[in-house]
């Protein structure tokens, strides 16, 4: 059951990432918020919060960005996303090898 819940959370975050890359920041925020609300214990929540943080930054919503950053630092103090950001990955979704 836990695997299914984590997979559903990862799916929501995947969609939020797609919206973010396309420049649809409000849609990315909405999808990431949905993942955070519904799948609170899933590992994908770290990335969902990061997508929210970056989308708020792109939209110029500094107060919401700082709130999201505070939540992320509290829950994921050793987050590599905060320190390094997204690592470029030019593979397609179906390429599971490196």
N, C-alpha and C. Protein backbone atom coordinates (compact mmCIF):
# COMPACT_ATOMS: atom_id res chain seq x y z
N UNK A 1 0.82 -1.19 0.00
CA UNK A 1 0.00 0.00 0.00
C UNK A 1 0.87 1.26 0.00
N UNK A 2 1.95 1.22 0.77
CA UNK A 2 2.83 2.38 0.85
C UNK A 2 3.47 2.66 -0.51
N UNK A 3 3.83 1.60 -1.24
CA UNK A 3 4.41 1.76 -2.58
C UNK A 3 3.42 2.48 -3.51
N UNK A 4 2.15 2.12 -3.44
CA UNK A 4 1.15 2.75 -4.30
C UNK A 4 0.99 4.23 -3.96
N UNK A 5 0.95 4.53 -2.67
CA UNK A 5 0.80 5.93 -2.25
C UNK A 5 2.01 6.75 -2.71
N UNK A 6 3.21 6.20 -2.53
CA UNK A 6 4.43 6.90 -2.97
C UNK A 6 4.44 7.08 -4.49
N UNK A 7 3.94 6.09 -5.22
CA UNK A 7 3.88 6.20 -6.68
C UNK A 7 2.90 7.27 -7.11
N UNK A 8 1.77 7.35 -6.44
CA UNK A 8 0.79 8.38 -6.79
C UNK A 8 1.35 9.77 -6.48
N UNK A 9 2.05 9.90 -5.37
CA UNK A 9 2.67 11.19 -5.04
C UNK A 9 3.72 11.56 -6.07
N UNK A 10 4.54 10.59 -6.47
CA UNK A 10 5.56 10.84 -7.47
C UNK A 10 4.94 11.24 -8.81
N UNK A 11 3.80 10.67 -9.13
CA UNK A 11 3.10 11.03 -10.36
C UNK A 11 2.62 12.48 -10.34
N UNK A 12 2.09 12.91 -9.21
CA UNK A 12 1.65 14.30 -9.08
C UNK A 12 2.84 15.25 -9.21
N UNK A 13 3.94 14.90 -8.60
CA UNK A 13 5.14 15.75 -8.66
C UNK A 13 5.72 15.76 -10.08
N UNK A 14 5.63 14.64 -10.76
CA UNK A 14 6.09 14.58 -12.15
C UNK A 14 5.29 15.57 -13.01
N UNK A 15 4.00 15.62 -12.81
CA UNK A 15 3.15 16.55 -13.56
C UNK A 15 3.49 17.99 -13.18
N UNK A 16 3.71 18.25 -11.88
CA UNK A 16 4.09 19.59 -11.44
C UNK A 16 5.41 20.01 -12.08
N UNK A 17 6.37 19.08 -12.16
CA UNK A 17 7.66 19.37 -12.79
C UNK A 17 7.48 19.71 -14.26
N UNK A 18 6.59 18.98 -14.94
CA UNK A 18 6.31 19.25 -16.35
C UNK A 18 5.75 20.67 -16.51
N UNK A 19 4.78 21.02 -15.69
CA UNK A 19 4.21 22.37 -15.76
C UNK A 19 5.27 23.43 -15.50
N UNK A 20 6.14 23.19 -14.53
CA UNK A 20 7.18 24.15 -14.21
C UNK A 20 8.12 24.34 -15.41
N UNK A 21 8.52 23.25 -16.03
CA UNK A 21 9.43 23.34 -17.17
C UNK A 21 8.78 24.06 -18.35
N UNK A 22 7.47 23.94 -18.47
CA UNK A 22 6.75 24.61 -19.56
C UNK A 22 6.45 26.08 -19.26
N UNK A 23 6.72 26.51 -18.02
CA UNK A 23 6.47 27.91 -17.65
C UNK A 23 5.08 28.16 -17.10
N UNK A 24 4.33 27.11 -16.86
CA UNK A 24 2.98 27.23 -16.27
C UNK A 24 3.12 27.15 -14.75
N UNK A 25 3.60 28.24 -14.15
CA UNK A 25 3.97 28.23 -12.75
C UNK A 25 2.78 28.09 -11.81
N UNK A 26 1.66 28.69 -12.15
CA UNK A 26 0.47 28.55 -11.30
C UNK A 26 -0.02 27.11 -11.31
N UNK A 27 -0.01 26.49 -12.47
CA UNK A 27 -0.41 25.08 -12.57
C UNK A 27 0.56 24.19 -11.80
N UNK A 28 1.85 24.50 -11.87
CA UNK A 28 2.86 23.73 -11.13
C UNK A 28 2.63 23.86 -9.62
N UNK A 29 2.34 25.05 -9.17
CA UNK A 29 2.06 25.28 -7.74
C UNK A 29 0.84 24.49 -7.31
N UNK A 30 -0.22 24.56 -8.10
CA UNK A 30 -1.45 23.84 -7.75
C UNK A 30 -1.22 22.34 -7.65
N UNK A 31 -0.48 21.78 -8.60
CA UNK A 31 -0.23 20.34 -8.60
C UNK A 31 0.67 19.95 -7.44
N UNK A 32 1.68 20.76 -7.15
CA UNK A 32 2.58 20.47 -6.04
C UNK A 32 1.84 20.59 -4.70
N UNK A 33 0.97 21.58 -4.57
CA UNK A 33 0.17 21.72 -3.35
C UNK A 33 -0.74 20.51 -3.16
N UNK A 34 -1.30 20.01 -4.23
CA UNK A 34 -2.14 18.83 -4.15
C UNK A 34 -1.36 17.65 -3.61
N UNK A 35 -0.14 17.48 -4.10
CA UNK A 35 0.71 16.38 -3.60
C UNK A 35 1.04 16.57 -2.13
N UNK A 36 1.36 17.78 -1.73
CA UNK A 36 1.71 18.05 -0.33
C UNK A 36 0.51 17.79 0.59
N UNK A 37 -0.66 18.19 0.15
CA UNK A 37 -1.85 18.00 0.98
C UNK A 37 -2.27 16.53 1.08
N UNK A 38 -2.20 15.79 -0.02
CA UNK A 38 -2.73 14.43 -0.03
C UNK A 38 -1.73 13.36 0.38
N UNK A 39 -0.45 13.61 0.17
CA UNK A 39 0.57 12.57 0.40
C UNK A 39 1.67 13.10 1.32
N UNK A 40 1.31 13.47 2.52
CA UNK A 40 2.21 14.18 3.42
C UNK A 40 3.47 13.41 3.79
N UNK A 41 3.42 12.11 3.82
CA UNK A 41 4.57 11.32 4.24
C UNK A 41 5.39 10.75 3.09
N UNK A 42 5.03 11.07 1.87
CA UNK A 42 5.72 10.51 0.70
C UNK A 42 7.07 11.20 0.48
N UNK A 43 8.05 10.46 0.00
CA UNK A 43 9.37 11.05 -0.27
C UNK A 43 9.34 12.14 -1.35
N UNK A 44 8.38 12.11 -2.23
CA UNK A 44 8.30 13.09 -3.33
C UNK A 44 7.92 14.49 -2.85
N UNK A 45 7.53 14.63 -1.61
CA UNK A 45 7.09 15.92 -1.10
C UNK A 45 8.23 16.93 -1.09
N UNK A 46 9.45 16.45 -0.90
CA UNK A 46 10.60 17.36 -0.93
C UNK A 46 10.67 18.09 -2.28
N UNK A 47 10.52 17.35 -3.36
CA UNK A 47 10.56 17.98 -4.67
C UNK A 47 9.32 18.85 -4.91
N UNK A 48 8.19 18.43 -4.39
CA UNK A 48 6.97 19.24 -4.54
C UNK A 48 7.16 20.61 -3.88
N UNK A 49 7.74 20.63 -2.70
CA UNK A 49 8.00 21.91 -2.03
C UNK A 49 9.00 22.75 -2.81
N UNK A 50 10.00 22.09 -3.38
CA UNK A 50 10.99 22.82 -4.18
C UNK A 50 10.35 23.42 -5.43
N UNK A 51 9.47 22.70 -6.06
CA UNK A 51 8.78 23.22 -7.24
C UNK A 51 7.92 24.42 -6.85
N UNK A 52 7.25 24.32 -5.71
CA UNK A 52 6.47 25.46 -5.23
C UNK A 52 7.37 26.66 -4.97
N UNK A 53 8.49 26.44 -4.33
CA UNK A 53 9.43 27.51 -4.01
C UNK A 53 9.92 28.20 -5.28
N UNK A 54 10.33 27.44 -6.27
CA UNK A 54 10.84 28.01 -7.50
C UNK A 54 9.74 28.70 -8.31
N UNK A 55 8.54 28.16 -8.28
CA UNK A 55 7.43 28.78 -9.00
C UNK A 55 7.05 30.10 -8.37
N UNK A 56 7.01 30.15 -7.05
CA UNK A 56 6.73 31.42 -6.37
C UNK A 56 7.80 32.46 -6.71
N UNK A 57 9.04 32.01 -6.79
CA UNK A 57 10.13 32.92 -7.13
C UNK A 57 9.94 33.48 -8.54
N UNK A 58 9.60 32.61 -9.47
CA UNK A 58 9.38 33.05 -10.86
C UNK A 58 8.20 34.01 -10.99
N UNK A 59 7.21 33.83 -10.14
CA UNK A 59 6.03 34.70 -10.18
C UNK A 59 6.24 35.99 -9.38
N UNK A 60 7.34 36.08 -8.66
CA UNK A 60 7.62 37.28 -7.87
C UNK A 60 6.85 37.36 -6.57
N UNK A 61 6.40 36.23 -6.07
CA UNK A 61 5.65 36.18 -4.81
C UNK A 61 6.63 35.84 -3.68
N UNK A 62 7.35 36.86 -3.23
CA UNK A 62 8.45 36.66 -2.30
C UNK A 62 8.02 36.15 -0.93
N UNK A 63 6.88 36.62 -0.44
CA UNK A 63 6.42 36.17 0.88
C UNK A 63 6.07 34.68 0.86
N UNK A 64 5.36 34.25 -0.16
CA UNK A 64 5.02 32.83 -0.27
C UNK A 64 6.27 31.99 -0.50
N UNK A 65 7.22 32.53 -1.25
CA UNK A 65 8.47 31.82 -1.47
C UNK A 65 9.22 31.61 -0.17
N UNK A 66 9.32 32.65 0.64
CA UNK A 66 10.04 32.52 1.91
C UNK A 66 9.32 31.59 2.87
N UNK A 67 7.99 31.59 2.85
CA UNK A 67 7.23 30.65 3.69
C UNK A 67 7.51 29.21 3.26
N UNK A 68 7.49 28.97 1.97
CA UNK A 68 7.75 27.63 1.46
C UNK A 68 9.18 27.19 1.75
N UNK A 69 10.12 28.13 1.63
CA UNK A 69 11.51 27.81 1.94
C UNK A 69 11.68 27.45 3.42
N UNK A 70 11.00 28.17 4.28
CA UNK A 70 11.05 27.87 5.72
C UNK A 70 10.50 26.48 6.00
N UNK A 71 9.39 26.13 5.39
CA UNK A 71 8.80 24.80 5.57
C UNK A 71 9.74 23.72 5.06
N UNK A 72 10.35 23.99 3.91
CA UNK A 72 11.25 23.01 3.33
C UNK A 72 12.49 22.82 4.19
N UNK A 73 13.06 23.91 4.69
CA UNK A 73 14.25 23.80 5.55
C UNK A 73 13.92 23.10 6.86
N UNK A 74 12.72 23.29 7.36
CA UNK A 74 12.32 22.63 8.61
C UNK A 74 12.16 21.13 8.41
N UNK A 75 11.52 20.74 7.33
CA UNK A 75 11.23 19.33 7.09
C UNK A 75 12.35 18.56 6.39
N UNK A 76 13.15 19.26 5.60
CA UNK A 76 14.24 18.62 4.86
C UNK A 76 15.51 19.45 5.03
N UNK A 77 16.11 19.42 6.22
CA UNK A 77 17.26 20.30 6.49
C UNK A 77 18.49 19.99 5.64
N UNK A 78 18.64 18.78 5.18
CA UNK A 78 19.80 18.41 4.36
C UNK A 78 19.42 18.23 2.90
N UNK A 79 18.48 18.99 2.45
CA UNK A 79 17.99 18.86 1.08
C UNK A 79 19.04 19.29 0.06
N UNK A 80 19.33 18.40 -0.87
CA UNK A 80 20.25 18.75 -1.96
C UNK A 80 19.58 19.67 -2.96
N UNK A 81 18.26 19.66 -3.02
CA UNK A 81 17.57 20.56 -3.94
C UNK A 81 17.78 22.01 -3.52
N UNK A 82 17.77 22.28 -2.23
CA UNK A 82 18.00 23.65 -1.77
C UNK A 82 19.43 24.11 -2.02
N UNK A 83 20.37 23.22 -1.86
CA UNK A 83 21.77 23.62 -2.03
C UNK A 83 22.23 23.59 -3.48
N UNK A 84 21.77 22.61 -4.26
CA UNK A 84 22.26 22.45 -5.63
C UNK A 84 21.22 22.73 -6.70
N UNK A 85 19.96 22.69 -6.34
CA UNK A 85 18.90 22.86 -7.33
C UNK A 85 18.72 21.59 -8.15
N UNK A 86 17.99 21.72 -9.24
CA UNK A 86 17.80 20.57 -10.13
C UNK A 86 19.09 20.26 -10.84
N UNK A 87 19.43 19.01 -10.91
CA UNK A 87 20.56 18.57 -11.71
C UNK A 87 20.04 18.31 -13.12
N UNK A 88 20.74 18.82 -14.11
CA UNK A 88 20.26 18.64 -15.48
C UNK A 88 20.31 17.16 -15.85
N UNK A 89 19.21 16.71 -16.38
CA UNK A 89 19.08 15.32 -16.79
C UNK A 89 18.44 15.33 -18.17
N UNK A 90 19.24 15.07 -19.18
CA UNK A 90 18.77 15.15 -20.55
C UNK A 90 18.14 13.86 -21.05
N UNK A 91 18.00 12.88 -20.15
CA UNK A 91 17.39 11.62 -20.57
C UNK A 91 15.89 11.80 -20.77
N UNK A 92 15.34 10.98 -21.60
CA UNK A 92 13.90 10.94 -21.78
C UNK A 92 13.28 10.15 -20.65
N UNK A 93 11.98 10.24 -20.48
CA UNK A 93 11.29 9.58 -19.38
C UNK A 93 11.43 8.07 -19.44
N UNK A 94 11.62 7.52 -20.64
CA UNK A 94 11.70 6.07 -20.80
C UNK A 94 13.12 5.55 -20.68
N UNK A 95 14.11 6.42 -20.59
CA UNK A 95 15.50 5.99 -20.48
C UNK A 95 15.86 5.76 -19.00
N UNK A 96 15.87 4.53 -18.61
CA UNK A 96 16.18 4.22 -17.22
C UNK A 96 17.67 4.00 -16.99
N UNK A 97 18.44 3.91 -18.07
CA UNK A 97 19.88 3.75 -17.94
C UNK A 97 20.55 5.11 -18.02
N UNK A 98 21.81 5.17 -17.65
CA UNK A 98 22.53 6.46 -17.68
C UNK A 98 23.34 6.64 -18.90
